[in-house]
Amino acid sequence: MLDAALWTALADPHRRAMVALLLERPRSVGEIVEACGLSQPSTSKHLKVLREAGLVRVRQDAQRRVYALDPGPIAALDAWLAPYRALWNKSLDALGRRLDETPDAPEPPAAKD
């Protein structure tokens, strides 16, 4: 089972935006502040939640703190979601087959002028 901290961290839309941003590449706090449009203190609080949930790692680069995604929790989340993804794929495949078997609806009559 996944840690509740992971779900809590990903429940917030600002933190999900930060995760999406860090998916591209590691970024400094300043870059994250600018990209997300939040204040520096608010951004730091969100990054702390992500760090405590294990979703991001931080390293010091001179005066800057650089954040990067930690793929471990994301892989665990993906593994947890796999059975649900399979269920949806199965249901969508069945829907596709059903739609393929359904005869086309007749064209509606043309409007008269």
Protein backbone atom coordinates (compact mmCIF):
# COMPACT_ATOMS: atom_id res chain seq x y z
CA MET A 1 0.00 0.00 0.00
CA LEU A 2 1.19 3.51 -0.74
CA ASP A 3 2.06 5.94 2.02
CA ALA A 4 -0.70 8.43 2.84
CA ALA A 5 1.87 11.25 2.59
CA LEU A 6 2.20 10.51 -1.13
CA TRP A 7 -1.55 10.88 -1.69
CA THR A 8 -1.68 14.01 0.45
CA ALA A 9 1.22 15.56 -1.46
CA LEU A 10 -0.36 14.85 -4.84
CA ALA A 11 -3.82 16.02 -3.76
CA ASP A 12 -2.84 19.67 -4.08
CA PRO A 13 -2.94 21.17 -7.60
CA HIS A 14 0.07 23.42 -6.95
CA ARG A 15 2.18 20.45 -5.91
CA ARG A 16 1.03 18.46 -8.95
CA ALA A 17 2.10 21.41 -11.11
CA MET A 18 5.51 21.36 -9.44
CA VAL A 19 5.86 17.64 -10.04
CA ALA A 20 4.97 18.17 -13.72
CA LEU A 21 7.53 20.97 -13.92
CA LEU A 22 10.24 18.81 -12.35
CA LEU A 23 9.43 16.04 -14.79
CA GLU A 24 11.13 18.16 -17.46
CA ARG A 25 14.37 18.71 -15.49
CA PRO A 26 15.69 19.62 -12.04
CA ARG A 27 15.00 23.25 -11.11
CA SER A 28 16.01 25.78 -8.52
CA VAL A 29 13.46 27.15 -6.08
CA GLY A 30 13.57 30.47 -7.94
CA GLU A 31 12.67 28.79 -11.22
CA ILE A 32 9.80 26.95 -9.56
CA VAL A 33 8.53 30.18 -7.97
CA GLU A 34 8.58 31.92 -11.35
CA ALA A 35 6.95 29.05 -13.25
CA CYS A 36 4.18 28.44 -10.68
CA GLY A 37 3.43 32.06 -9.87
CA LEU A 38 3.45 31.49 -6.12
CA SER A 39 5.36 33.36 -3.44
CA GLN A 40 8.74 31.97 -2.39
CA PRO A 41 7.50 31.01 1.11
CA SER A 42 4.44 29.25 -0.31
CA THR A 43 6.55 27.43 -2.90
CA SER A 44 9.00 26.33 -0.20
CA LYS A 45 6.16 24.94 1.92
CA HIS A 46 4.83 22.94 -1.02
CA LEU A 47 8.33 21.66 -1.83
CA LYS A 48 8.74 20.58 1.81
CA VAL A 49 5.56 18.48 1.56
CA LEU A 50 6.83 16.91 -1.69
CA ARG A 51 10.23 16.25 -0.11
CA GLU A 52 8.71 14.67 3.02
CA ALA A 53 6.54 12.44 0.82
CA GLY A 54 9.71 11.30 -0.97
CA LEU A 55 8.61 12.70 -4.34
CA VAL A 56 11.52 15.12 -4.73
CA ARG A 57 15.16 15.31 -3.74
CA VAL A 58 17.03 18.52 -3.05
CA ARG A 59 20.70 19.36 -3.45
CA GLN A 60 22.62 22.47 -2.58
CA ASP A 61 24.28 24.22 -5.54
CA ALA A 62 26.24 27.15 -4.08
CA GLN A 63 23.50 29.46 -2.78
CA ARG A 64 20.69 27.68 -4.63
CA ARG A 65 18.59 24.68 -3.68
CA VAL A 66 17.89 22.51 -6.73
CA TYR A 67 14.94 20.12 -6.70
CA ALA A 68 14.58 16.98 -8.81
CA LEU A 69 11.95 14.25 -8.98
CA ASP A 70 12.66 11.00 -7.19
CA PRO A 71 11.33 8.29 -9.52
CA GLY A 72 10.85 5.70 -6.75
CA PRO A 73 7.48 6.87 -5.39
CA ILE A 74 6.20 7.56 -8.92
CA ALA A 75 7.09 3.97 -9.89
CA ALA A 76 5.32 2.67 -6.79
CA LEU A 77 2.24 4.73 -7.70
CA ASP A 78 2.36 3.40 -11.26
CA ALA A 79 2.57 -0.19 -9.97
CA TRP A 80 -0.36 0.41 -7.63
CA LEU A 81 -2.44 1.84 -10.49
CA ALA A 82 -1.61 -0.99 -12.94
CA PRO A 83 -4.59 -3.24 -12.05
CA TYR A 84 -6.98 -0.29 -12.36
CA ARG A 85 -5.46 0.68 -15.69
CA ALA A 86 -5.95 -2.91 -16.88
CA LEU A 87 -9.58 -2.80 -15.74
CA TRP A 88 -10.19 0.42 -17.65
CA ASN A 89 -8.42 -0.90 -20.75
CA LYS A 90 -10.57 -4.03 -20.65
CA SER A 91 -13.74 -1.96 -20.27
CA LEU A 92 -12.76 0.42 -23.05
CA ASP A 93 -11.88 -2.49 -25.35
CA ALA A 94 -15.33 -4.00 -24.68
CA LEU A 95 -16.96 -0.65 -25.42
CA GLY A 96 -14.98 -0.38 -28.65
CA ARG A 97 -16.10 -3.87 -29.72
CA ARG A 98 -19.70 -3.01 -28.87
CA LEU A 99 -19.54 0.19 -30.91
CA ASP A 100 -18.01 -1.71 -33.84
CA GLU A 101 -20.91 -4.19 -33.73
CA THR A 102 -23.60 -1.48 -33.59
CA PRO A 103 -25.05 -0.66 -37.00
CA ASP A 104 -24.63 2.91 -38.12
CA ALA A 105 -27.57 5.15 -37.35
CA PRO A 106 -29.54 6.24 -40.39
CA GLU A 107 -28.95 9.76 -41.65
CA PRO A 108 -31.61 12.23 -40.50
CA PRO A 109 -33.80 13.59 -43.28
CA ALA A 110 -32.53 16.76 -44.91
CA ALA A 111 -34.17 19.96 -43.75
CA LYS A 112 -36.66 21.47 -46.13
CA ASP A 113 -36.35 25.12 -47.08
